[in-house]
Amino acid sequence: MKTFSSIISLLCLLLSFYSQAANQVTIWGTGHANPLGTHPTTTVNIYDKTSMTLLGSTSTLPDGSYTISFASIGISPILNSNSNNARIIPNPFQDKMVIEVTSSEKTDWQCNVVDEQGRFLINQNFFLESGINQLSISGLGSTGLKTVMLKSNTCQFSLKAIQTVSTTLNPQVQLHPLKTQFKASSVSESIIVSFVPPSGYIGMDTTVSFQSQIVNYILQQLPTDSVDFFIKPYTINGDTISNLTLDFLFPDGYSNQYGENIDGFIHVQHILYTPPPNFAIVTHNTDTATFALYQFFRKPNHNLWDTNYAQSPKPTHNTPPQPTLLKLSGIPDTLELYMPHTQIPTPPPLIPVYGATIRYDHPDVKWLLTLIDSSAKYVPVPSIGEKIIHWQQTWDNATGYPMSPSNLQLARDERDHVRMVFTLNNGKKIFPPDTAVVISSTSDSMYLVLDARDFKQSAKTSYASADLETAIYLTVDNSSNGSPIIWYSLSYYRSYPSPDPNIIFSSFATQYFCYNFPHVLGQLISDWTRDPANGLPTQFFYETGRTIYVADQGTKF
């Protein structure tokens, strides 16, 4: 009877021990992915650290939280052998990467480190001791994704890590054997909580004691793209703008201000974490009293029939700077930014009416611009090529006789004034360069060549004494309807009737800029576009004319 009682007591003791060993363990926590703070659905696996037996698995909720429970059922078998393993700590790292390699034996390992461009930064062999070894690598250059490939005779690993601080590219490697000996451990000692995110993210593992507790996590999102380009800012006249600051709002929600470097360029750099195509919203907040309207982004090799790389939408009266939607995917290395002034010097005869300067978005100025149908683009005729032939007519239209030297020079001066409008101060051409020829009669061979092509892509300078007229006609094809997009009459004393409505910009003594504004004693000369004191184009004409021709086709003013 005493023996039976002893057996019962032993069984109760074993059941009590089993009950304690089978206690429920709960691991819970929350986390997110840097740098955007998103919560990708992540698999959470719990492993016995000794045997790597999977004890439980779950997935995170939309808010990044998770809970997982499992039972402890006793002591695990003793493991007398070691296994290979590798990890990067910490990840992301700043300027030094530490790779922890667990080697099951003394043997050679090969280590390769590759950057985002596929360049091998490290390609080296190491002899590792049995146990845990650390490779400290520095001098890996610019920030971004680094891929580490480790290989021995029996296994290989591929690891990814993010470098957050740039360094000089001079890779250096130091090996530190930790000589940690492997020992048997039981299931009750520790567990590994492994966070496995979807593609595009780097997960993490953490080792904790075998008990219920909170285990939070942080993932690292891998970049989808990066931008690194320069912007050179100019006024609409081609003068360099100093001390300009541009505000960028990127699609991932990151915003930053970029100012000019000492060389006058604005350097824009950013790592993108959103799928392409990517666009940034660009505004400028520096000196908005001077530049507060349009932004025209153009490639340095901008073809004259191309649309701008980007431009801001039409402003309204007294609005703040209008943002530009700038495409980042495939952006060129350098862009030129052209901006008209917010206020333009008022032509001298109109200063009593408007003051020394007038806003570009003043109702009267906008009314002038809206008389123009819309902007257009130059389209070269394939059979002709790009160059414009500027031909000088040497006979008087009224009499048919040769022009006097003084009148011929006057016509040439007027031609040069017009050509100045279409050559910016930085040397950029709004229209193709021209070649000048002199034609003395309609039987001239060059005249016949021009006549055969309907005088397309040509500019004519002529003079008629009977009408006291000096006229220039610059005709290049309109991309929208094939009509001329420039027509000039440079008369001081007469106004032509309204030209062809398809002509995009007409100036000087035409109806558009003459007696529509009888503010100064009803003068018929164009006070807006021509200074009567010296006969030269006004700053107003340079600003508005260049803005019209730099804008994209179809821009409504």
Protein backbone atom coordinates (compact mmCIF):
# COMPACT_ATOMS: atom_id res chain seq x y z
CA MET A 1 0.00 0.00 0.00
CA LYS A 2 2.88 2.31 0.82
CA THR A 3 4.45 1.54 -2.57
CA PHE A 4 1.24 2.45 -4.40
CA SER A 5 1.06 5.73 -2.48
CA SER A 6 4.63 6.55 -3.49
CA ILE A 7 3.80 5.90 -7.17
CA ILE A 8 0.78 8.21 -6.97
CA SER A 9 2.89 10.93 -5.38
CA LEU A 10 5.50 10.59 -8.14
CA LEU A 11 2.84 10.80 -10.85
CA CYS A 12 1.36 13.94 -9.26
CA LEU A 13 4.82 15.47 -9.14
CA LEU A 14 5.40 14.70 -12.82
CA LEU A 15 1.98 16.08 -13.78
CA SER A 16 2.70 19.20 -11.77
CA PHE A 17 6.03 19.59 -13.50
CA TYR A 18 4.43 19.02 -16.93
CA SER A 19 1.71 21.50 -16.16
CA GLN A 20 4.28 24.13 -15.26
CA ALA A 21 6.33 23.31 -18.35
CA ALA A 22 3.29 23.58 -20.58
CA ASN A 23 2.53 27.16 -19.59
CA GLN A 24 1.15 29.40 -22.36
CA VAL A 25 3.57 32.04 -23.67
CA THR A 26 2.26 35.17 -25.48
CA ILE A 27 4.38 37.55 -27.53
CA TRP A 28 2.81 40.78 -28.76
CA GLY A 29 3.91 44.14 -30.05
CA THR A 30 3.70 46.70 -32.83
CA GLY A 31 5.99 48.27 -35.40
CA HIS A 32 6.37 50.15 -38.67
CA ALA A 33 8.67 50.55 -41.64
CA ASN A 34 11.14 53.41 -41.90
CA PRO A 35 11.39 55.97 -43.34
CA LEU A 36 7.70 56.47 -44.24
CA GLY A 37 6.13 54.90 -41.14
CA THR A 38 4.03 52.47 -43.18
CA HIS A 39 2.66 49.14 -41.94
CA PRO A 40 3.21 46.44 -44.56
CA THR A 41 1.68 43.06 -43.74
CA THR A 42 4.53 41.18 -42.07
CA THR A 43 4.85 37.52 -41.09
CA VAL A 44 5.92 36.98 -37.46
CA ASN A 45 7.61 33.63 -36.74
CA ILE A 46 8.67 32.35 -33.30
CA TYR A 47 11.55 29.83 -33.18
CA ASP A 48 13.21 27.86 -30.42
CA LYS A 49 16.68 29.35 -30.58
CA THR A 50 18.41 26.05 -29.85
CA SER A 51 16.67 23.72 -32.26
CA MET A 52 15.19 26.39 -34.59
CA THR A 53 11.84 24.61 -34.22
CA LEU A 54 8.94 26.79 -35.35
CA LEU A 55 6.78 27.39 -32.28
CA GLY A 56 4.17 29.70 -33.83
CA SER A 57 3.39 32.08 -36.69
CA THR A 58 1.01 34.98 -37.42
CA SER A 59 0.67 38.12 -39.57
CA THR A 60 0.55 41.76 -38.50
CA LEU A 61 -2.68 43.77 -38.61
CA PRO A 62 -3.15 46.95 -40.72
CA ASP A 63 -1.96 49.10 -37.79
CA GLY A 64 1.26 47.08 -37.49
CA SER A 65 0.28 45.20 -34.30
CA TYR A 66 0.37 41.43 -33.73
CA THR A 67 -0.25 38.82 -31.02
CA ILE A 68 0.94 35.23 -31.02
CA SER A 69 0.61 32.54 -28.33
CA PHE A 70 2.18 29.08 -27.99
CA ALA A 71 2.83 26.50 -25.29
CA SER A 72 6.09 25.56 -23.59
CA ILE A 73 6.12 21.76 -23.41
CA GLY A 74 9.37 20.97 -21.69
CA ILE A 75 13.03 20.59 -22.32
CA SER A 76 14.32 20.27 -25.86
CA PRO A 77 16.94 17.76 -26.90
CA ILE A 78 20.54 18.71 -26.34
CA LEU A 79 22.24 19.89 -29.55
CA ASN A 80 25.92 19.01 -29.78
CA SER A 81 26.52 20.52 -33.22
CA ASN A 82 26.70 24.05 -34.49
CA SER A 83 25.14 25.66 -37.62
CA ASN A 84 26.19 28.47 -39.93
CA ASN A 85 24.48 31.85 -39.76
CA ALA A 86 25.03 35.49 -40.81
CA ARG A 87 23.46 38.85 -40.06
CA ILE A 88 24.19 42.61 -40.33
CA ILE A 89 24.05 44.63 -37.12
CA PRO A 90 22.63 47.21 -36.95
CA ASN A 91 20.56 47.45 -40.12
CA PRO A 92 20.24 50.20 -41.38
CA PHE A 93 23.77 51.28 -40.49
CA GLN A 94 25.36 54.71 -40.61
CA ASP A 95 28.92 54.74 -41.99
CA LYS A 96 30.22 51.33 -40.80
CA MET A 97 28.70 47.94 -41.59
CA VAL A 98 29.20 45.08 -39.09
CA ILE A 99 28.59 41.56 -40.41
CA GLU A 100 28.28 38.83 -37.78
CA VAL A 101 29.15 35.43 -39.28
CA THR A 102 28.66 32.20 -37.36
CA SER A 103 30.88 29.49 -38.81
CA SER A 104 30.44 25.83 -37.84
CA GLU A 105 34.12 25.15 -38.44
CA LYS A 106 37.43 26.78 -39.15
CA THR A 107 37.29 27.46 -42.87
CA ASP A 108 37.67 30.03 -45.67
CA TRP A 109 34.77 32.39 -46.48
CA GLN A 110 34.40 34.71 -49.46
CA CYS A 111 32.79 38.15 -48.92
CA ASN A 112 31.45 40.41 -51.70
CA VAL A 113 29.75 43.80 -51.17
CA VAL A 114 27.88 45.38 -54.11
CA ASP A 115 26.25 48.85 -54.32
CA GLU A 116 23.00 49.87 -56.08
CA GLN A 117 24.82 50.38 -59.40
CA GLY A 118 26.13 46.81 -59.31
CA ARG A 119 29.71 47.84 -58.54
CA PHE A 120 31.81 45.46 -56.41
CA LEU A 121 33.08 47.43 -53.43
CA ILE A 122 34.53 44.40 -51.58
CA ASN A 123 35.73 41.09 -53.07
CA GLN A 124 37.87 39.35 -50.45
CA ASN A 125 38.49 35.97 -48.79
CA PHE A 126 38.75 35.49 -45.01
CA PHE A 127 39.68 32.58 -42.75
CA LEU A 128 37.07 32.41 -40.00
CA GLU A 129 37.34 30.68 -36.66
CA SER A 130 34.70 28.24 -35.51
CA GLY A 131 32.04 30.26 -33.72
CA ILE A 132 31.05 33.90 -34.13
CA ASN A 133 33.19 36.27 -36.19
CA GLN A 134 32.66 39.97 -36.97
CA LEU A 135 33.62 41.76 -40.17
CA SER A 136 33.69 45.58 -39.76
CA ILE A 137 33.53 47.34 -43.13
CA SER A 138 33.89 51.11 -43.60
CA GLY A 139 34.45 53.51 -46.52
CA LEU A 140 31.57 52.23 -48.64
CA GLY A 141 30.85 55.59 -50.30
CA SER A 142 27.39 57.10 -50.81
CA THR A 143 24.18 56.21 -49.02
CA GLY A 144 21.77 53.59 -50.29
CA LEU A 145 21.31 49.85 -50.61
CA LYS A 146 24.29 47.51 -50.17
CA THR A 147 24.13 43.77 -50.96
CA VAL A 148 26.44 41.39 -49.07
CA MET A 149 27.17 37.89 -50.41
CA LEU A 150 28.95 35.40 -48.12
CA LYS A 151 30.05 31.92 -49.25
CA SER A 152 31.92 28.99 -47.74
CA ASN A 153 32.44 25.43 -48.96
CA THR A 154 29.18 24.32 -47.36
CA CYS A 155 26.78 27.27 -47.47
CA GLN A 156 26.16 30.81 -48.69
CA PHE A 157 24.15 33.86 -47.58
CA SER A 158 22.82 36.96 -49.35
CA LEU A 159 22.09 39.94 -47.08
CA LYS A 160 20.83 43.46 -47.80
CA ALA A 161 21.41 46.59 -45.76
CA ILE A 162 20.82 50.34 -45.99
CA GLN A 163 23.65 52.84 -45.50
CA THR A 164 22.37 56.19 -44.15
CA VAL A 165 25.56 58.30 -43.96
CA SER A 166 27.84 58.95 -46.93
CA THR A 167 31.59 58.42 -46.65
CA THR A 168 34.60 58.66 -48.90
CA LEU A 169 34.75 55.59 -51.15
CA ASN A 170 37.75 53.73 -49.65
CA PRO A 171 36.59 50.28 -48.48
CA GLN A 172 38.39 48.93 -45.40
CA VAL A 173 37.71 45.56 -43.72
CA GLN A 174 38.64 44.43 -40.21
CA LEU A 175 38.11 40.86 -38.94
CA HIS A 176 37.30 40.24 -35.26
CA PRO A 177 36.89 36.57 -34.22
CA LEU A 178 34.77 36.55 -31.06
CA LYS A 179 35.68 32.91 -30.25
CA THR A 180 32.23 32.30 -28.80
CA GLN A 181 31.87 28.59 -28.09
CA PHE A 182 28.64 26.80 -28.86
CA LYS A 183 26.81 25.11 -26.04
CA ALA A 184 23.71 23.07 -25.63
CA SER A 185 20.65 25.02 -24.56
CA SER A 186 17.12 24.14 -23.63
CA VAL A 187 13.86 25.43 -25.02
CA SER A 188 13.28 27.35 -21.82
CA GLU A 189 16.29 29.63 -22.28
CA SER A 190 15.43 31.85 -25.29
CA ILE A 191 13.43 32.22 -28.46
CA ILE A 192 13.92 34.09 -31.76
CA VAL A 193 11.17 36.42 -32.95
CA SER A 194 11.56 36.82 -36.72
CA PHE A 195 9.77 39.56 -38.69
CA VAL A 196 9.51 38.71 -42.38
CA PRO A 197 8.10 41.63 -44.45
CA PRO A 198 6.95 41.52 -48.08
CA SER A 199 9.26 42.29 -50.99
CA GLY A 200 10.67 45.80 -50.86
CA TYR A 201 11.43 45.76 -47.13
CA ILE A 202 14.17 44.44 -44.85
CA GLY A 203 13.00 42.51 -41.80
CA MET A 204 14.63 41.85 -38.46
CA ASP A 205 15.23 39.08 -35.92
CA THR A 206 15.44 39.53 -32.19
CA THR A 207 16.31 37.06 -29.41
CA VAL A 208 14.37 37.28 -26.15
CA SER A 209 13.90 35.15 -23.04
CA PHE A 210 11.28 32.39 -23.06
CA GLN A 211 8.41 34.23 -21.39
CA SER A 212 5.39 36.39 -22.27
CA GLN A 213 6.46 39.92 -23.22
CA ILE A 214 6.24 42.82 -25.68
CA VAL A 215 8.52 42.63 -28.71
CA ASN A 216 8.29 45.65 -31.02
CA TYR A 217 9.95 45.87 -34.42
CA ILE A 218 11.17 48.33 -37.05
CA LEU A 219 11.45 47.39 -40.72
CA GLN A 220 13.48 49.20 -43.36
CA GLN A 221 11.80 50.01 -46.65
CA LEU A 222 14.05 49.65 -49.69
CA PRO A 223 14.23 52.63 -52.07
CA THR A 224 12.50 52.32 -55.44
CA ASP A 225 14.50 55.09 -57.10
CA SER A 226 16.68 58.08 -56.38
CA VAL A 227 17.07 61.50 -57.98
CA ASP A 228 20.24 63.55 -58.23
CA PHE A 229 20.10 66.49 -60.62
CA PHE A 230 20.91 70.20 -60.96
CA ILE A 231 18.77 73.25 -61.76
CA LYS A 232 20.20 76.47 -63.19
CA PRO A 233 17.79 79.39 -62.64
CA TYR A 234 17.47 82.29 -65.10
CA THR A 235 15.19 85.25 -65.60
CA ILE A 236 13.04 85.13 -68.72
CA ASN A 237 15.72 87.36 -70.31
CA GLY A 238 18.44 84.79 -69.66
CA ASP A 239 20.10 86.58 -66.71
CA THR A 240 21.30 84.43 -63.82
CA ILE A 241 19.14 84.47 -60.69
CA SER A 242 21.07 84.50 -57.43
CA ASN A 243 20.03 83.13 -54.03
CA LEU A 244 16.91 81.36 -55.28
CA THR A 245 15.40 78.65 -53.06
CA LEU A 246 13.05 75.99 -54.39
CA ASP A 247 10.59 74.04 -52.24
CA PHE A 248 10.17 70.37 -53.22
CA LEU A 249 7.31 68.17 -52.00
CA PHE A 250 8.08 64.57 -52.97
CA PRO A 251 5.44 61.86 -53.53
CA ASP A 252 6.48 60.05 -50.35
CA GLY A 253 5.48 63.13 -48.32
CA TYR A 254 9.03 64.34 -47.72
CA SER A 255 9.58 68.08 -48.27
CA ASN A 256 12.80 70.03 -48.46
CA GLN A 257 14.20 73.40 -49.51
CA TYR A 258 17.09 73.45 -51.96
CA GLY A 259 19.20 76.59 -52.40
CA GLU A 260 21.88 77.56 -54.86
CA ASN A 261 25.45 76.35 -54.52
CA ILE A 262 28.42 78.63 -55.01
CA ASP A 263 28.37 77.82 -58.75
CA GLY A 264 24.79 79.06 -59.09
CA PHE A 265 23.25 75.60 -59.49
CA ILE A 266 20.54 74.15 -57.26
CA HIS A 267 21.45 70.55 -56.39
CA VAL A 268 18.45 68.29 -55.75
CA GLN A 269 19.00 64.87 -54.16
CA HIS A 270 16.42 62.49 -52.72
CA ILE A 271 15.84 58.75 -52.28
CA LEU A 272 12.36 57.68 -53.37
CA TYR A 273 10.29 54.96 -51.73
CA THR A 274 7.18 55.18 -53.90
CA PRO A 275 6.68 53.26 -57.17
CA PRO A 276 7.26 55.19 -60.42
CA PRO A 277 6.24 57.33 -62.14
CA ASN A 278 7.14 59.90 -59.51
CA PHE A 279 6.42 63.63 -59.55
CA ALA A 280 7.45 66.44 -57.20
CA ILE A 281 5.53 69.65 -56.53
CA VAL A 282 7.93 72.59 -56.90
CA THR A 283 7.46 76.16 -55.69
CA HIS A 284 9.86 78.97 -54.88
CA ASN A 285 9.52 81.00 -51.72
CA THR A 286 12.54 83.26 -52.00
CA ASP A 287 11.98 86.80 -53.25
CA THR A 288 8.41 86.13 -54.37
CA ALA A 289 7.95 89.85 -54.92
CA THR A 290 10.38 89.49 -57.83
CA PHE A 291 9.52 86.03 -59.20
CA ALA A 292 6.00 84.95 -58.32
CA LEU A 293 4.41 83.74 -61.54
CA TYR A 294 5.52 81.22 -64.13
CA GLN A 295 8.20 78.55 -63.88
CA PHE A 296 9.48 77.14 -67.18
CA PHE A 297 11.76 74.08 -66.83
CA ARG A 298 13.70 73.32 -70.02
CA LYS A 299 16.47 70.92 -70.96
CA PRO A 300 19.80 72.62 -71.80
CA ASN A 301 19.58 71.16 -75.32
CA HIS A 302 15.90 72.12 -75.62
CA ASN A 303 14.77 71.78 -79.23
CA LEU A 304 12.71 74.72 -80.36
CA TRP A 305 9.77 72.53 -81.32
CA ASP A 306 9.86 70.65 -77.99
CA THR A 307 7.46 71.29 -75.18
CA ASN A 308 9.03 72.40 -71.92
CA TYR A 309 10.10 69.67 -69.53
CA ALA A 310 7.60 71.21 -67.10
CA GLN A 311 5.89 74.53 -66.51
CA SER A 312 3.60 75.98 -63.85
CA PRO A 313 -0.10 76.53 -64.54
CA LYS A 314 -1.60 79.89 -65.44
CA PRO A 315 -1.58 82.29 -62.47
CA THR A 316 -4.45 84.50 -61.43
CA HIS A 317 -4.26 88.07 -60.21
CA ASN A 318 -2.10 88.51 -57.08
CA THR A 319 -1.81 84.79 -56.47
CA PRO A 320 1.14 83.25 -54.59
CA PRO A 321 3.75 81.28 -56.57
CA GLN A 322 2.09 78.59 -58.62
CA PRO A 323 3.48 75.07 -58.11
CA THR A 324 4.97 73.05 -60.94
CA LEU A 325 4.47 69.30 -61.29
CA LEU A 326 7.99 68.07 -62.06
CA LYS A 327 8.41 64.52 -63.35
CA LEU A 328 11.24 62.78 -61.48
CA SER A 329 11.31 59.47 -63.35
CA GLY A 330 13.96 59.81 -66.06
CA ILE A 331 14.74 63.43 -65.19
CA PRO A 332 17.87 64.76 -66.99
CA ASP A 333 21.05 65.56 -65.09
CA THR A 334 20.53 69.31 -65.55
CA LEU A 335 17.48 71.52 -66.09
CA GLU A 336 17.29 75.23 -66.83
CA LEU A 337 14.59 77.19 -65.02
CA TYR A 338 13.26 80.41 -66.60
CA MET A 339 11.03 82.79 -64.67
CA PRO A 340 9.53 86.15 -65.71
CA HIS A 341 9.62 89.02 -63.26
CA THR A 342 6.52 89.74 -61.23
CA GLN A 343 6.87 93.45 -61.95
CA ILE A 344 8.23 94.95 -65.17
CA PRO A 345 9.59 98.48 -65.69
CA THR A 346 6.73 100.56 -67.09
CA PRO A 347 7.42 102.10 -70.55
CA PRO A 348 8.39 105.76 -69.96
CA PRO A 349 5.28 107.36 -71.55
CA LEU A 350 3.02 105.24 -69.32
CA ILE A 351 4.74 105.93 -65.99
CA PRO A 352 2.23 108.70 -65.11
CA VAL A 353 -0.57 106.15 -65.46
CA TYR A 354 0.94 103.01 -63.88
CA GLY A 355 3.94 104.14 -61.89
CA ALA A 356 7.55 103.05 -62.32
CA THR A 357 6.68 99.34 -62.54
CA ILE A 358 3.63 97.33 -63.49
CA ARG A 359 2.74 93.82 -62.36
CA TYR A 360 2.88 91.13 -64.99
CA ASP A 361 -0.59 90.00 -63.88
CA HIS A 362 -2.04 93.52 -63.94
CA PRO A 363 -5.48 93.44 -65.67
CA ASP A 364 -4.31 95.74 -68.49
CA VAL A 365 -1.25 93.61 -69.15
CA LYS A 366 -3.28 90.41 -69.03
CA TRP A 367 -5.77 91.98 -71.44
CA LEU A 368 -2.95 92.72 -73.86
CA LEU A 369 -1.72 89.15 -73.63
CA THR A 370 -5.16 87.62 -74.04
CA LEU A 371 -5.46 89.34 -77.41
CA ILE A 372 -2.94 86.75 -78.48
CA ASP A 373 -4.70 83.50 -79.32
CA SER A 374 -2.19 81.24 -77.55
CA SER A 375 1.46 80.35 -77.55
CA ALA A 376 2.87 78.05 -80.22
CA LYS A 377 6.01 76.19 -81.12
CA TYR A 378 8.32 76.45 -84.07
CA VAL A 379 8.23 73.44 -86.39
CA PRO A 380 11.00 73.13 -88.97
CA VAL A 381 10.09 72.00 -92.47
CA PRO A 382 12.07 68.77 -93.05
CA SER A 383 12.96 69.69 -96.61
CA ILE A 384 14.31 73.06 -95.49
CA GLY A 385 16.06 72.30 -92.22
CA GLU A 386 16.16 74.40 -89.08
CA LYS A 387 18.05 77.55 -90.12
CA ILE A 388 16.10 80.71 -90.92
CA ILE A 389 17.26 82.80 -93.86
CA HIS A 390 17.05 86.49 -93.03
CA TRP A 391 17.06 88.35 -96.31
CA GLN A 392 17.60 92.07 -96.81
CA GLN A 393 15.55 93.67 -99.58
CA THR A 394 17.62 96.47 -101.16
CA TRP A 395 14.94 98.17 -103.29
CA ASP A 396 12.25 100.58 -102.21
CA ASN A 397 8.79 98.98 -102.20
CA ALA A 398 7.14 102.21 -103.28
CA THR A 399 9.41 103.24 -106.16
CA GLY A 400 11.22 100.05 -107.09
CA TYR A 401 14.51 101.95 -107.01
CA PRO A 402 17.44 100.94 -104.85
CA MET A 403 17.19 102.04 -101.24
CA SER A 404 19.45 104.80 -100.06
CA PRO A 405 22.34 103.71 -97.83
CA SER A 406 20.77 105.50 -94.86
CA ASN A 407 17.42 103.75 -95.30
CA LEU A 408 19.13 100.44 -95.87
CA GLN A 409 21.00 100.89 -92.59
CA LEU A 410 17.76 101.88 -90.85
CA ALA A 411 16.13 98.66 -92.00
CA ARG A 412 19.12 96.64 -90.80
CA ASP A 413 18.99 98.35 -87.41
CA GLU A 414 15.32 97.48 -87.07
CA ARG A 415 16.08 93.89 -88.00
CA ASP A 416 18.76 93.67 -85.32
CA HIS A 417 16.36 95.06 -82.71
CA VAL A 418 13.94 92.26 -83.46
CA ARG A 419 16.65 89.61 -83.46
CA MET A 420 17.74 90.77 -80.01
CA VAL A 421 14.33 89.79 -78.65
CA PHE A 422 14.89 86.16 -79.58
CA THR A 423 18.45 85.82 -78.27
CA LEU A 424 18.57 85.64 -74.47
CA ASN A 425 21.35 87.19 -72.43
CA ASN A 426 22.80 83.72 -71.72
CA GLY A 427 23.17 83.13 -75.46
CA LYS A 428 20.20 80.75 -75.77
CA LYS A 429 18.13 81.12 -78.93
CA ILE A 430 14.36 81.15 -78.71
CA PHE A 431 14.30 80.54 -82.46
CA PRO A 432 16.97 79.00 -84.69
CA PRO A 433 19.96 81.08 -85.70
CA ASP A 434 19.56 82.80 -89.02
CA THR A 435 21.87 83.43 -91.90
CA ALA A 436 21.75 86.89 -93.50
CA VAL A 437 21.66 87.36 -97.27
CA VAL A 438 21.18 90.47 -99.41
CA ILE A 439 18.74 90.27 -102.33
CA SER A 440 18.76 93.06 -104.92
CA SER A 441 16.00 91.88 -107.30
CA THR A 442 13.28 89.31 -107.73
CA SER A 443 15.48 87.54 -110.28
CA ASP A 444 18.18 86.92 -107.67
CA SER A 445 18.87 83.17 -107.32
CA MET A 446 18.30 83.25 -103.55
CA TYR A 447 15.00 85.07 -104.08
CA LEU A 448 13.92 82.28 -106.44
CA VAL A 449 14.89 79.66 -103.85
CA LEU A 450 12.83 81.41 -101.18
CA ASP A 451 9.91 81.93 -103.54
CA ALA A 452 9.90 78.22 -104.43
CA ARG A 453 9.39 77.33 -100.76
CA ASP A 454 6.77 80.05 -100.18
CA PHE A 455 9.27 82.03 -98.10
CA LYS A 456 8.87 79.60 -95.21
CA GLN A 457 11.41 79.89 -92.41
CA SER A 458 12.58 83.24 -93.67
CA ALA A 459 12.68 86.77 -92.32
CA LYS A 460 12.41 89.83 -94.55
CA THR A 461 13.62 93.34 -93.90
CA SER A 462 12.23 96.01 -96.25
CA TYR A 463 11.62 99.74 -96.42
CA ALA A 464 9.04 101.87 -98.30
CA SER A 465 9.69 105.59 -98.38
CA ALA A 466 6.25 106.56 -99.67
CA ASP A 467 4.53 105.20 -96.56
CA LEU A 468 7.35 106.22 -94.23
CA GLU A 469 7.35 102.54 -93.37
CA THR A 470 9.98 100.18 -92.14
CA ALA A 471 8.72 96.61 -91.91
CA ILE A 472 10.07 93.26 -90.88
CA TYR A 473 8.26 90.00 -91.54
CA LEU A 474 9.64 86.97 -89.75
CA THR A 475 7.65 83.92 -90.78
CA VAL A 476 8.21 80.48 -89.30
CA ASP A 477 5.69 77.68 -89.21
CA ASN A 478 3.20 77.32 -86.37
CA SER A 479 3.06 73.82 -84.95
CA SER A 480 -0.71 74.03 -84.52
CA ASN A 481 -1.92 75.29 -87.90
CA GLY A 482 1.05 76.02 -90.14
CA SER A 483 0.46 79.80 -90.11
CA PRO A 484 3.23 82.29 -89.43
CA ILE A 485 3.78 82.79 -85.72
CA ILE A 486 5.64 86.12 -85.90
CA TRP A 487 4.79 89.23 -87.83
CA TYR A 488 6.30 92.65 -87.26
CA SER A 489 5.51 96.10 -88.56
CA LEU A 490 7.96 98.67 -87.28
CA SER A 491 6.26 101.83 -88.50
CA TYR A 492 6.47 104.96 -86.40
CA TYR A 493 3.57 106.73 -88.06
CA ARG A 494 0.92 104.30 -89.20
CA SER A 495 -0.92 101.36 -87.74
CA TYR A 496 -1.69 98.30 -89.78
CA PRO A 497 -5.11 96.75 -89.52
CA SER A 498 -5.29 93.65 -87.34
CA PRO A 499 -3.03 90.98 -88.78
CA ASP A 500 -3.96 87.38 -89.37
CA PRO A 501 -5.59 86.14 -86.12
CA ASN A 502 -3.50 82.97 -86.37
CA ILE A 503 -0.34 85.00 -85.86
CA ILE A 504 0.71 84.47 -82.29
CA PHE A 505 2.57 87.66 -81.44
CA SER A 506 2.42 90.95 -83.30
CA SER A 507 4.06 94.07 -82.00
CA PHE A 508 5.30 97.63 -82.31
CA ALA A 509 2.85 99.62 -84.46
CA THR A 510 0.12 97.06 -84.87
CA GLN A 511 -3.35 97.50 -83.45
CA TYR A 512 -2.63 95.27 -80.47
CA PHE A 513 -0.13 97.62 -78.87
CA CYS A 514 -1.08 101.04 -80.22
CA TYR A 515 -4.26 103.00 -79.93
CA ASN A 516 -6.06 100.47 -77.74
CA PHE A 517 -4.56 102.46 -74.85
CA PRO A 518 -5.06 106.20 -75.52
CA HIS A 519 -3.56 107.12 -72.15
CA VAL A 520 -0.92 109.49 -73.51
CA LEU A 521 -2.70 112.10 -75.63
CA GLY A 522 -4.01 109.44 -77.97
CA GLN A 523 -0.61 108.72 -79.48
CA LEU A 524 -0.72 106.11 -82.23
CA ILE A 525 2.77 104.83 -81.51
CA SER A 526 3.07 101.72 -79.44
CA ASP A 527 3.92 103.06 -76.01
CA TRP A 528 3.94 99.54 -74.60
CA THR A 529 6.50 98.01 -76.90
CA ARG A 530 8.59 100.87 -78.20
CA ASP A 531 10.26 103.74 -76.39
CA PRO A 532 9.52 106.86 -78.49
CA ALA A 533 12.58 108.57 -77.03
CA ASN A 534 15.05 106.22 -78.70
CA GLY A 535 12.94 103.91 -80.86
CA LEU A 536 14.20 100.80 -79.04
CA PRO A 537 12.02 97.96 -77.76
CA THR A 538 10.87 98.46 -74.19
CA GLN A 539 11.66 96.13 -71.31
CA PHE A 540 7.95 95.34 -71.26
CA PHE A 541 8.19 94.03 -74.80
CA TYR A 542 11.26 91.91 -74.02
CA GLU A 543 9.62 90.34 -70.95
CA THR A 544 6.20 89.63 -72.44
CA GLY A 545 7.48 88.59 -75.85
CA ARG A 546 9.99 86.13 -74.46
CA THR A 547 7.48 84.72 -71.99
CA ILE A 548 5.06 84.02 -74.82
CA TYR A 549 7.68 82.20 -76.89
CA VAL A 550 9.22 80.25 -74.01
CA ALA A 551 5.80 78.98 -72.87
CA ASP A 552 4.43 75.70 -74.19
CA GLN A 553 2.22 75.54 -77.22
CA GLY A 554 -1.39 76.31 -76.40
CA THR A 555 -0.64 78.25 -73.20
CA LYS A 556 -3.45 80.74 -72.71
CA PHE A 557 -2.46 84.09 -71.31
